[in-house]
Amino acid sequence: MDELNAFYTTRHRLLWEGLISTLINEPCLVLQGAKGSGKSVLAHGVIAAWPHRALTIGPLSRKGYLQEWIVLSDTQLADSLTGRIFSFDTLWSELLCSMDETRDSMPLFVLEDAQRVRKGLISSIQAFASIMPKARLLLTGIFDRSQQRRLRMLRPVWLEIPTPNEEDCREVIATHAGIDPEQPGLLSDLFVRRVMRRCRGNLHLVARSGRFIRRNKKREQQVAVGSELQQAVLRYLPTERHPGWRCLALIVVAGLCGGAGRYLSQPLSQWLPQPERLLSVATSRPISSPVTLTSEIMSTNESLALLYSVWGFAVDKGQAWCDQAYRAGMACLSGNDTLETLLYQGLPWIATLKVDSVLFPVVIIGGGDKTLTVLSGSKTWIVDKAWFSTVWTGKATRMWKPSPDSNASITRKSSPDDIAWLDTMLSRMLSVEAEGSGEWSPLLTEKIRQFQIQHKIKADGVMGRLSLIRLWQALGESPKLTQDEGKV
């Protein structure tokens, strides 16, 4: 929870009213929504308006696995249970004994981030229904398909928070910027849409953009947000990502155009003049200087912006820095390495070359037995690998995607979220059933080995950086070097 805590959009107010009326008549309600959609905001609003005692409970992770519950807040000040920890299996019976004075009322229990409970959530809800029939239960979270399927079998009321639209974002920006949302011309439609795309439905980020405008406005009166301030706000937000379907469409169009060119080349040749007829005209024209790799030299920022684009992110060269990779959920590494190591990792990278005493960067996007595919500015080059080795300084900058919790490896000491994600993704790649417990098991180690064998890397059962790189590539979430001459 952050700046959005005290604000409701028009749609949030309607959802809030629906939540309260539903909970009065139904024992269990599930509130699902994407990150930053306002789940916690709505839950806190329901708690504030609930006429009886209300407790917020969350799963507690200790020793690497989930086994306990902790009371995060309690609306009753006398004999408050805030901070109390309960065992996973006896939560409701212990709460019933601790809340004798509210036994005849209708207490509300809010389970926040319920999706983190990978094992035992269903049994806990069933225990609640049998032990506390008069109470009400509200679950919030981002549930995957497996969790949704199991939850829906209990037949709770299910409420999905819709993706914020342009009017929602305009309300949030204007309110936190101290601008009247009803006054036209203060926030342009284009600016609001660009903020929407940057924030990807996260209203917390939208609220922060409004706070940024409030802090950086020159005057307090109602004035339009200028272009300079708009650009500053957009730089403050995460970078915009290219939709994958656009890249796929471009590839398909390029393939069709190439095929059409080959098909039409033969029929058109009968209408083209013979080469010898063109020789006299060609020799009479001035000879232009040949285009070389050094004809278009990029700056460091331009090469980083190009590497970001290979990953699918549109980044202005003025904002293309290695230390900003975290905003896109990536890590950026810079240093010296061998060509064999970089090719084996299979990720695009920036190489610094020295030709005729001139240092300049290029982006490597492909490799083979004898050649490398190189991007420099707006051109693509196929260079000889032996020549490249003589002009490359050994310096390389590359990006890679760590675990969802931003770790370079996933081990038995990792968080339950990382372990559960790894188990789900490996099970998907191997077409087997996921355990879904969030705990490290011998079966998970064997899944890692099988994945490593399939992708021809050392099968040691350790999910290190190289194994994570291969997993993200297999999931289609990471680029990989194109293969020239059939081998990398």
Protein backbone atom coordinates (compact mmCIF):
# COMPACT_ATOMS: atom_id res chain seq x y z
CA MET A 1 0.00 0.00 0.00
CA ASP A 2 1.25 3.46 -0.80
CA GLU A 3 -0.15 6.71 -2.20
CA LEU A 4 -3.35 5.06 -3.51
CA ASN A 5 -4.42 4.11 0.04
CA ALA A 6 -6.88 6.95 0.63
CA PHE A 7 -8.32 7.35 -2.88
CA TYR A 8 -11.10 5.57 -4.76
CA THR A 9 -11.89 5.97 -8.41
CA THR A 10 -15.53 6.06 -9.48
CA ARG A 11 -15.34 2.39 -10.33
CA HIS A 12 -13.68 1.59 -6.98
CA ARG A 13 -16.55 3.24 -5.12
CA LEU A 14 -19.05 1.04 -6.95
CA LEU A 15 -16.96 -2.05 -6.20
CA TRP A 16 -16.68 -1.03 -2.53
CA GLU A 17 -20.45 -0.76 -2.19
CA GLY A 18 -20.89 -4.12 -3.91
CA LEU A 19 -18.34 -5.77 -1.62
CA ILE A 20 -20.08 -4.64 1.57
CA SER A 21 -23.57 -5.63 0.42
CA THR A 22 -22.32 -9.02 -0.79
CA LEU A 23 -20.40 -9.82 2.40
CA ILE A 24 -23.47 -9.09 4.51
CA ASN A 25 -25.33 -11.86 2.67
CA GLU A 26 -22.56 -14.28 1.66
CA PRO A 27 -20.05 -16.09 3.92
CA CYS A 28 -17.05 -16.03 1.56
CA LEU A 29 -15.92 -13.64 -1.18
CA VAL A 30 -12.78 -13.76 -3.34
CA LEU A 31 -11.40 -10.44 -4.61
CA GLN A 32 -8.91 -10.92 -7.43
CA GLY A 33 -7.03 -8.30 -9.39
CA ALA A 34 -3.69 -7.56 -10.98
CA LYS A 35 -0.85 -5.93 -9.08
CA GLY A 36 -1.74 -2.34 -8.19
CA SER A 37 -5.40 -2.70 -9.20
CA GLY A 38 -6.62 -1.66 -5.75
CA LYS A 39 -7.30 -4.93 -3.89
CA SER A 40 -5.82 -3.72 -0.60
CA VAL A 41 -7.47 -0.32 -1.00
CA LEU A 42 -10.90 -1.91 -1.32
CA ALA A 43 -10.25 -4.37 1.50
CA HIS A 44 -9.24 -1.57 3.88
CA GLY A 45 -12.30 0.39 2.84
CA VAL A 46 -14.55 -2.56 3.63
CA ILE A 47 -12.85 -2.99 7.02
CA ALA A 48 -13.33 0.70 7.85
CA ALA A 49 -17.06 0.49 7.07
CA TRP A 50 -17.72 -2.93 8.64
CA PRO A 51 -20.08 -2.58 11.63
CA HIS A 52 -18.49 -5.47 13.55
CA ARG A 53 -14.97 -6.50 14.47
CA ALA A 54 -12.61 -7.01 11.52
CA LEU A 55 -9.18 -8.68 11.40
CA THR A 56 -6.64 -8.69 8.59
CA ILE A 57 -4.60 -11.91 8.48
CA GLY A 58 -1.65 -12.80 6.28
CA PRO A 59 0.56 -15.87 5.73
CA LEU A 60 3.86 -15.81 7.61
CA SER A 61 6.96 -17.25 5.95
CA ARG A 62 9.59 -18.57 8.31
CA LYS A 63 12.40 -21.07 7.74
CA GLY A 64 11.72 -21.00 3.99
CA TYR A 65 8.15 -22.29 3.98
CA LEU A 66 4.65 -21.13 4.94
CA GLN A 67 3.27 -22.69 8.07
CA GLU A 68 1.75 -19.92 10.21
CA TRP A 69 -0.68 -17.01 10.11
CA ILE A 70 -0.10 -13.55 11.56
CA VAL A 71 -2.76 -10.97 12.45
CA LEU A 72 -1.79 -7.79 10.61
CA SER A 73 -4.51 -5.54 12.04
CA ASP A 74 -7.48 -5.65 14.39
CA THR A 75 -10.20 -3.00 14.58
CA GLN A 76 -10.81 -3.76 18.27
CA LEU A 77 -8.32 -1.81 20.40
CA ALA A 78 -9.05 -3.57 23.69
CA ASP A 79 -7.46 -7.04 23.75
CA SER A 80 -6.26 -6.48 20.20
CA LEU A 81 -4.84 -9.53 18.42
CA THR A 82 -2.52 -7.49 16.16
CA GLY A 83 0.83 -9.21 15.87
CA ARG A 84 -0.41 -12.56 17.22
CA ILE A 85 0.84 -15.64 15.38
CA PHE A 86 -1.32 -18.75 14.98
CA SER A 87 -0.45 -22.18 13.74
CA PHE A 88 -1.66 -23.05 10.27
CA ASP A 89 -3.95 -25.90 11.29
CA THR A 90 -5.56 -24.34 14.40
CA LEU A 91 -6.07 -20.76 13.22
CA TRP A 92 -9.88 -20.64 13.39
CA SER A 93 -10.30 -22.63 16.59
CA GLU A 94 -7.75 -20.44 18.38
CA LEU A 95 -9.37 -17.27 17.03
CA LEU A 96 -12.77 -18.52 18.20
CA CYS A 97 -11.42 -18.95 21.74
CA SER A 98 -9.77 -15.51 21.62
CA MET A 99 -12.93 -13.74 20.41
CA ASP A 100 -15.61 -14.90 22.85
CA GLU A 101 -17.12 -11.41 23.06
CA THR A 102 -17.81 -11.35 19.30
CA ARG A 103 -19.13 -14.90 18.97
CA ASP A 104 -22.73 -13.76 18.47
CA SER A 105 -21.83 -10.95 16.04
CA MET A 106 -20.64 -11.08 12.42
CA PRO A 107 -16.83 -10.59 12.45
CA LEU A 108 -14.96 -10.09 9.19
CA PHE A 109 -11.67 -11.80 8.40
CA VAL A 110 -9.57 -10.58 5.47
CA LEU A 111 -6.88 -12.97 4.18
CA GLU A 112 -4.44 -10.76 2.27
CA ASP A 113 -2.16 -12.19 -0.44
CA ALA A 114 -3.91 -15.54 -0.13
CA GLN A 115 -2.25 -16.74 -3.35
CA ARG A 116 0.98 -17.13 -1.35
CA VAL A 117 -0.55 -20.10 0.47
CA ARG A 118 0.41 -22.84 -1.94
CA LYS A 119 -0.68 -25.68 0.33
CA GLY A 120 -3.59 -25.86 2.73
CA LEU A 121 -5.65 -22.84 1.63
CA ILE A 122 -8.69 -24.90 0.68
CA SER A 123 -8.68 -26.85 3.94
CA SER A 124 -8.33 -23.60 5.88
CA ILE A 125 -11.40 -22.11 4.17
CA GLN A 126 -13.37 -25.30 4.85
CA ALA A 127 -12.36 -25.15 8.53
CA PHE A 128 -13.48 -21.52 8.67
CA ALA A 129 -16.93 -22.40 7.30
CA SER A 130 -17.46 -25.13 9.90
CA ILE A 131 -15.98 -23.35 12.95
CA MET A 132 -17.27 -19.81 12.30
CA PRO A 133 -20.58 -20.06 10.42
CA LYS A 134 -21.67 -16.52 11.36
CA ALA A 135 -18.42 -14.83 10.35
CA ARG A 136 -17.46 -13.47 6.94
CA LEU A 137 -14.28 -14.19 4.95
CA LEU A 138 -12.70 -11.98 2.27
CA LEU A 139 -9.72 -13.33 0.29
CA THR A 140 -7.55 -11.03 -1.81
CA GLY A 141 -4.80 -12.07 -4.21
CA ILE A 142 -3.63 -12.86 -7.72
CA PHE A 143 -4.56 -16.51 -8.15
CA ASP A 144 -3.21 -18.74 -10.90
CA ARG A 145 -5.45 -21.11 -12.86
CA SER A 146 -4.83 -24.07 -10.56
CA GLN A 147 -5.71 -22.04 -7.46
CA GLN A 148 -8.78 -20.58 -9.15
CA ARG A 149 -10.02 -24.03 -10.08
CA ARG A 150 -9.69 -25.31 -6.52
CA LEU A 151 -11.23 -22.17 -4.99
CA ARG A 152 -14.23 -22.17 -7.31
CA MET A 153 -15.08 -25.68 -6.17
CA LEU A 154 -15.99 -24.12 -2.80
CA ARG A 155 -18.49 -21.85 -4.63
CA PRO A 156 -17.49 -18.48 -3.13
CA VAL A 157 -18.67 -15.19 -4.62
CA TRP A 158 -15.95 -14.20 -7.10
CA LEU A 159 -15.20 -10.57 -7.90
CA GLU A 160 -12.59 -9.62 -10.48
CA ILE A 161 -11.27 -6.05 -10.46
CA PRO A 162 -11.32 -4.87 -14.11
CA THR A 163 -8.26 -3.40 -15.76
CA PRO A 164 -8.15 0.38 -15.15
CA ASN A 165 -9.34 2.41 -18.12
CA GLU A 166 -8.37 5.90 -19.25
CA GLU A 167 -10.89 7.62 -16.96
CA ASP A 168 -9.60 5.73 -13.92
CA CYS A 169 -6.04 6.79 -14.67
CA ARG A 170 -7.10 10.39 -15.27
CA GLU A 171 -8.89 10.47 -11.90
CA VAL A 172 -5.89 9.05 -10.04
CA ILE A 173 -3.36 11.35 -11.71
CA ALA A 174 -5.48 14.46 -11.24
CA THR A 175 -6.31 13.74 -7.60
CA HIS A 176 -2.71 13.13 -6.55
CA ALA A 177 -1.46 16.03 -8.67
CA GLY A 178 -3.91 18.47 -7.07
CA ILE A 179 -5.68 19.05 -10.39
CA ASP A 180 -9.41 19.22 -10.99
CA PRO A 181 -10.17 16.13 -13.15
CA GLU A 182 -13.35 17.79 -14.48
CA GLN A 183 -11.50 20.82 -15.86
CA PRO A 184 -10.66 20.18 -19.53
CA GLY A 185 -7.21 20.74 -21.01
CA LEU A 186 -5.13 20.18 -17.86
CA LEU A 187 -4.20 16.60 -18.71
CA SER A 188 -4.00 15.71 -22.38
CA ASP A 189 -5.53 12.44 -23.56
CA LEU A 190 -2.25 11.40 -25.19
CA PHE A 191 -0.33 11.90 -21.93
CA VAL A 192 -2.86 9.88 -19.91
CA ARG A 193 -2.73 7.03 -22.44
CA ARG A 194 1.07 6.99 -22.35
CA VAL A 195 1.01 6.82 -18.55
CA MET A 196 -1.50 3.93 -18.84
CA ARG A 197 0.82 2.00 -21.14
CA ARG A 198 3.84 2.61 -18.91
CA CYS A 199 2.03 1.56 -15.71
CA ARG A 200 0.32 -1.51 -17.27
CA GLY A 201 -2.71 -1.32 -14.99
CA ASN A 202 -0.78 -0.60 -11.76
CA LEU A 203 -2.66 2.30 -10.17
CA HIS A 204 0.03 2.69 -7.52
CA LEU A 205 2.44 3.76 -10.26
CA VAL A 206 -0.26 6.02 -11.74
CA ALA A 207 -0.68 7.63 -8.32
CA ARG A 208 3.06 8.17 -8.06
CA SER A 209 3.05 9.98 -11.39
CA GLY A 210 0.42 12.33 -9.95
CA ARG A 211 2.52 12.89 -6.84
CA PHE A 212 5.51 13.63 -9.08
CA ILE A 213 3.48 16.28 -10.91
CA ARG A 214 2.40 17.85 -7.60
CA ARG A 215 6.02 18.05 -6.37
CA ASN A 216 7.35 19.54 -9.59
CA LYS A 217 4.57 21.98 -10.53
CA LYS A 218 5.78 25.56 -10.59
CA ARG A 219 2.51 27.02 -9.31
CA GLU A 220 -0.40 25.77 -7.24
CA GLN A 221 -3.13 27.15 -9.48
CA GLN A 222 -4.91 25.00 -12.03
CA VAL A 223 -2.61 25.01 -15.07
CA ALA A 224 -2.05 22.47 -17.80
CA VAL A 225 0.79 19.97 -17.37
CA GLY A 226 3.42 21.10 -19.87
CA SER A 227 5.40 18.92 -22.25
CA GLU A 228 8.62 19.14 -20.20
CA LEU A 229 6.87 17.94 -17.06
CA GLN A 230 5.11 15.21 -19.05
CA GLN A 231 8.46 13.91 -20.31
CA ALA A 232 9.85 14.00 -16.78
CA VAL A 233 6.88 11.96 -15.53
CA LEU A 234 7.33 9.35 -18.28
CA ARG A 235 11.03 9.05 -17.45
CA TYR A 236 10.00 8.48 -13.83
CA LEU A 237 7.85 5.48 -14.84
CA PRO A 238 8.94 2.04 -16.11
CA THR A 239 9.89 1.77 -19.76
CA GLU A 240 7.27 0.87 -22.34
CA ARG A 241 7.44 -2.62 -23.79
CA HIS A 242 6.73 -3.53 -27.38
CA PRO A 243 3.79 -5.95 -27.67
CA GLY A 244 5.04 -9.29 -28.92
CA TRP A 245 2.43 -9.52 -31.64
CA ARG A 246 3.86 -6.44 -33.36
CA CYS A 247 7.29 -8.03 -33.60
CA LEU A 248 5.71 -11.24 -34.89
CA ALA A 249 3.69 -9.29 -37.47
CA LEU A 250 6.84 -7.55 -38.71
CA ILE A 251 8.63 -10.89 -39.07
CA VAL A 252 5.68 -12.38 -40.99
CA VAL A 253 5.45 -9.35 -43.31
CA ALA A 254 9.20 -9.47 -43.94
CA GLY A 255 8.98 -13.16 -44.79
CA LEU A 256 6.06 -12.61 -47.18
CA CYS A 257 7.85 -9.75 -48.90
CA GLY A 258 10.99 -11.84 -49.29
CA GLY A 259 9.02 -14.75 -50.71
CA ALA A 260 7.17 -12.48 -53.10
CA GLY A 261 10.45 -10.99 -54.29
CA ARG A 262 11.89 -14.38 -55.09
CA TYR A 263 8.67 -15.41 -56.86
CA LEU A 264 8.49 -12.29 -59.00
CA SER A 265 12.18 -12.05 -59.86
CA GLN A 266 11.97 -14.53 -62.73
CA PRO A 267 8.82 -13.15 -64.47
CA LEU A 268 10.13 -9.58 -64.27
CA SER A 269 13.54 -10.41 -65.72
CA GLN A 270 12.18 -10.56 -69.28
CA TRP A 271 11.23 -6.85 -69.11
CA LEU A 272 14.52 -5.69 -67.55
CA PRO A 273 17.35 -4.51 -69.79
CA GLN A 274 20.37 -6.74 -70.21
CA PRO A 275 23.34 -6.05 -67.88
CA GLU A 276 25.64 -5.07 -70.74
CA ARG A 277 23.24 -2.26 -71.71
CA LEU A 278 23.55 -0.80 -68.23
CA LEU A 279 27.36 -1.01 -68.12
CA SER A 280 28.04 2.23 -69.98
CA VAL A 281 25.62 4.16 -67.75
CA ALA A 282 27.05 2.66 -64.54
CA THR A 283 30.66 3.44 -65.43
CA SER A 284 29.80 7.05 -66.16
CA ARG A 285 28.49 7.69 -62.62
CA PRO A 286 30.82 8.76 -59.79
CA ILE A 287 31.98 5.94 -57.52
CA SER A 288 30.66 6.33 -53.97
CA SER A 289 32.80 5.44 -50.96
CA PRO A 290 32.12 1.90 -49.64
CA VAL A 291 30.05 1.51 -46.48
CA THR A 292 32.06 -0.04 -43.63
CA LEU A 293 31.38 -1.03 -40.04
CA THR A 294 32.80 2.28 -38.90
CA SER A 295 30.57 4.35 -41.20
CA GLU A 296 27.90 4.65 -38.49
CA ILE A 297 29.42 4.62 -35.00
CA MET A 298 27.04 4.46 -32.04
CA SER A 299 27.50 6.05 -28.64
CA THR A 300 27.37 3.94 -25.48
CA ASN A 301 23.79 5.04 -24.79
CA GLU A 302 22.72 4.29 -28.36
CA SER A 303 24.14 0.76 -28.13
CA LEU A 304 22.32 0.19 -24.82
CA ALA A 305 19.08 1.51 -26.32
CA LEU A 306 19.59 -0.95 -29.20
CA LEU A 307 20.16 -3.81 -26.75
CA TYR A 308 16.98 -2.84 -24.89
CA SER A 309 15.10 -2.97 -28.22
CA VAL A 310 16.43 -6.48 -28.84
CA TRP A 311 14.78 -7.41 -25.52
CA GLY A 312 11.55 -5.76 -26.69
CA PHE A 313 11.74 -2.45 -24.81
CA ALA A 314 11.57 1.00 -26.41
CA VAL A 315 14.00 3.16 -24.41
CA ASP A 316 15.09 6.66 -25.30
CA LYS A 317 18.86 6.82 -25.69
CA GLY A 318 18.99 9.56 -23.07
CA GLN A 319 17.55 7.09 -20.54
CA ALA A 320 19.40 3.97 -21.72
CA TRP A 321 21.70 3.13 -18.83
CA CYS A 322 22.86 -0.20 -17.48
CA ASP A 323 21.68 0.60 -13.95
CA GLN A 324 18.10 1.14 -15.17
CA ALA A 325 17.66 -2.49 -16.29
CA TYR A 326 15.91 -3.33 -13.01
CA ARG A 327 12.93 -1.23 -14.13
CA ALA A 328 12.33 -3.83 -16.84
CA GLY A 329 12.86 -6.75 -14.44
CA MET A 330 16.37 -7.46 -15.75
CA ALA A 331 19.97 -7.36 -14.55
CA CYS A 332 22.81 -5.73 -16.49
CA LEU A 333 26.37 -7.08 -16.36
CA SER A 334 29.46 -5.39 -17.73
CA GLY A 335 33.04 -6.68 -17.78
CA ASN A 336 35.53 -8.83 -19.64
CA ASP A 337 34.69 -12.34 -20.81
CA THR A 338 35.69 -14.85 -23.45
CA LEU A 339 33.89 -15.18 -26.77
CA GLU A 340 33.23 -18.87 -26.13
CA THR A 341 31.54 -18.13 -22.79
CA LEU A 342 29.30 -15.45 -24.29
CA LEU A 343 28.27 -17.63 -27.21
CA TYR A 344 27.56 -20.52 -24.83
CA GLN A 345 25.30 -18.32 -22.68
CA GLY A 346 23.36 -17.53 -25.84
CA LEU A 347 22.33 -13.95 -24.96
CA PRO A 348 22.78 -10.83 -27.14
CA TRP A 349 25.53 -8.57 -25.86
CA ILE A 350 27.35 -5.31 -26.55
CA ALA A 351 30.98 -5.70 -27.64
CA THR A 352 33.50 -2.86 -27.76
CA LEU A 353 35.67 -3.00 -30.89
CA LYS A 354 38.88 -1.13 -31.76
CA VAL A 355 39.42 -0.52 -35.47
CA ASP A 356 42.06 1.94 -36.70
CA SER A 357 42.50 3.28 -33.14
CA VAL A 358 38.76 4.03 -32.92
CA LEU A 359 36.73 2.46 -30.09
CA PHE A 360 33.04 1.85 -30.79
CA PRO A 361 30.28 -0.52 -29.59
CA VAL A 362 28.27 -3.05 -31.60
CA VAL A 363 25.46 -5.39 -30.57
CA ILE A 364 25.99 -9.11 -31.20
CA ILE A 365 22.69 -10.88 -31.99
CA GLY A 366 23.88 -14.10 -33.67
CA GLY A 367 26.81 -16.44 -34.04
CA GLY A 368 28.00 -19.55 -35.84
CA ASP A 369 31.10 -21.57 -36.61
CA LYS A 370 32.83 -18.84 -38.60
CA THR A 371 30.66 -15.70 -38.51
CA LEU A 372 28.85 -13.36 -36.12
CA THR A 373 25.74 -11.26 -36.76
CA VAL A 374 26.30 -7.69 -35.60
CA LEU A 375 24.04 -4.62 -35.29
CA SER A 376 25.58 -1.19 -35.68
CA GLY A 377 23.23 1.77 -35.87
CA SER A 378 20.55 0.97 -38.42
CA LYS A 379 22.56 -1.72 -40.26
CA THR A 380 23.13 -5.43 -39.79
CA TRP A 381 26.52 -6.99 -40.57
CA ILE A 382 27.83 -10.53 -40.95
CA VAL A 383 31.48 -10.43 -39.80
CA ASP A 384 34.18 -13.05 -39.76
CA LYS A 385 34.67 -14.50 -36.26
CA ALA A 386 38.46 -14.64 -36.63
CA TRP A 387 38.58 -10.95 -37.63
CA PHE A 388 36.21 -10.06 -34.77
CA SER A 389 38.55 -11.71 -32.26
CA THR A 390 41.41 -9.47 -33.40
CA VAL A 391 39.49 -6.19 -33.00
CA TRP A 392 37.37 -7.02 -29.93
CA THR A 393 38.72 -5.55 -26.70
CA GLY A 394 37.17 -8.32 -24.60
CA LYS A 395 34.71 -5.94 -22.93
CA ALA A 396 31.09 -7.07 -22.99
CA THR A 397 27.77 -5.72 -21.63
CA ARG A 398 24.81 -8.06 -21.50
CA MET A 399 21.39 -8.24 -19.86
CA TRP A 400 19.66 -11.26 -18.43
CA LYS A 401 16.47 -11.98 -16.53
CA PRO A 402 16.78 -13.21 -12.90
CA SER A 403 14.11 -15.03 -10.89
CA PRO A 404 10.74 -13.35 -10.14
CA ASP A 405 12.21 -12.35 -6.74
CA SER A 406 15.27 -10.86 -8.57
CA ASN A 407 17.68 -13.60 -7.49
CA ALA A 408 20.56 -14.97 -9.60
CA SER A 409 19.72 -18.54 -8.60
CA ILE A 410 16.94 -20.56 -6.98
CA THR A 411 17.91 -22.96 -4.21
CA ARG A 412 16.20 -24.76 -1.31
CA LYS A 413 16.84 -21.56 0.72
CA SER A 414 14.93 -19.36 -1.75
CA SER A 415 11.52 -17.88 -1.05
CA PRO A 416 8.42 -20.10 -1.46
CA ASP A 417 7.28 -17.83 -4.31
CA ASP A 418 10.51 -18.45 -6.27
CA ILE A 419 10.38 -22.20 -5.60
CA ALA A 420 6.70 -22.47 -6.54
CA TRP A 421 7.32 -20.46 -9.74
CA LEU A 422 10.29 -22.69 -10.67
CA ASP A 423 8.26 -25.85 -10.07
CA THR A 424 5.37 -24.53 -12.18
CA MET A 425 7.57 -23.45 -15.10
CA LEU A 426 9.69 -26.61 -15.16
CA SER A 427 6.55 -28.75 -14.97
CA ARG A 428 5.15 -26.83 -17.91
CA MET A 429 8.34 -27.39 -19.95
CA LEU A 430 8.47 -31.09 -19.06
CA SER A 431 4.69 -31.66 -19.40
CA VAL A 432 4.36 -33.06 -15.89
CA GLU A 433 2.23 -32.18 -12.86
CA ALA A 434 3.45 -29.36 -10.58
CA GLU A 435 3.58 -29.96 -6.82
CA GLY A 436 2.50 -26.39 -5.97
CA SER A 437 3.78 -26.59 -2.38
CA GLY A 438 6.44 -23.88 -2.49
CA GLU A 439 8.84 -26.32 -0.80
CA TRP A 440 12.03 -27.79 -2.23
CA SER A 441 11.72 -31.50 -2.93
CA PRO A 442 13.83 -34.27 -4.52
CA LEU A 443 11.32 -34.30 -7.39
CA LEU A 444 12.05 -30.63 -8.11
CA THR A 445 15.79 -31.37 -8.22
CA GLU A 446 15.12 -34.14 -10.73
CA LYS A 447 12.99 -31.77 -12.84
CA ILE A 448 15.93 -29.34 -12.95
CA ARG A 449 18.26 -32.15 -14.10
CA GLN A 450 15.87 -33.23 -16.84
CA PHE A 451 15.51 -29.65 -18.06
CA GLN A 452 19.30 -29.22 -18.08
CA ILE A 453 19.73 -32.44 -20.07
CA GLN A 454 17.17 -31.29 -22.63
CA HIS A 455 19.01 -27.99 -23.11
CA LYS A 456 22.51 -29.51 -23.14
CA ILE A 457 23.90 -27.83 -20.04
CA LYS A 458 25.57 -29.38 -17.01
CA ALA A 459 22.95 -31.56 -15.30
CA ASP A 460 23.86 -30.83 -11.68
CA GLY A 461 20.33 -30.11 -10.37
CA VAL A 462 21.33 -26.54 -9.46
CA MET A 463 19.18 -23.72 -10.84
CA GLY A 464 21.95 -21.18 -11.39
CA ARG A 465 22.27 -18.25 -13.77
CA LEU A 466 22.76 -20.29 -16.95
CA SER A 467 19.82 -22.58 -16.15
CA LEU A 468 17.62 -19.52 -15.47
CA ILE A 469 18.70 -18.00 -18.78
CA ARG A 470 17.74 -21.20 -20.62
CA LEU A 471 14.42 -21.41 -18.77
CA TRP A 472 13.42 -17.82 -19.63
CA GLN A 473 14.43 -18.48 -23.26
CA ALA A 474 12.35 -21.65 -23.34
CA LEU A 475 9.39 -19.68 -21.98
CA GLY A 476 9.82 -17.07 -24.73
CA GLU A 477 10.60 -14.31 -22.22
CA SER A 478 14.24 -13.79 -23.23
CA PRO A 479 15.95 -13.31 -26.60
CA LYS A 480 18.67 -15.69 -27.71
CA LEU A 481 21.43 -15.55 -30.26
CA THR A 482 20.36 -16.49 -33.76
CA GLN A 483 22.26 -19.45 -35.13
CA ASP A 484 24.34 -18.99 -38.24
CA GLU A 485 25.62 -21.98 -40.14
CA GLY A 486 23.63 -24.26 -37.91
CA LYS A 487 25.66 -23.93 -34.72
CA VAL A 488 26.40 -21.48 -31.92
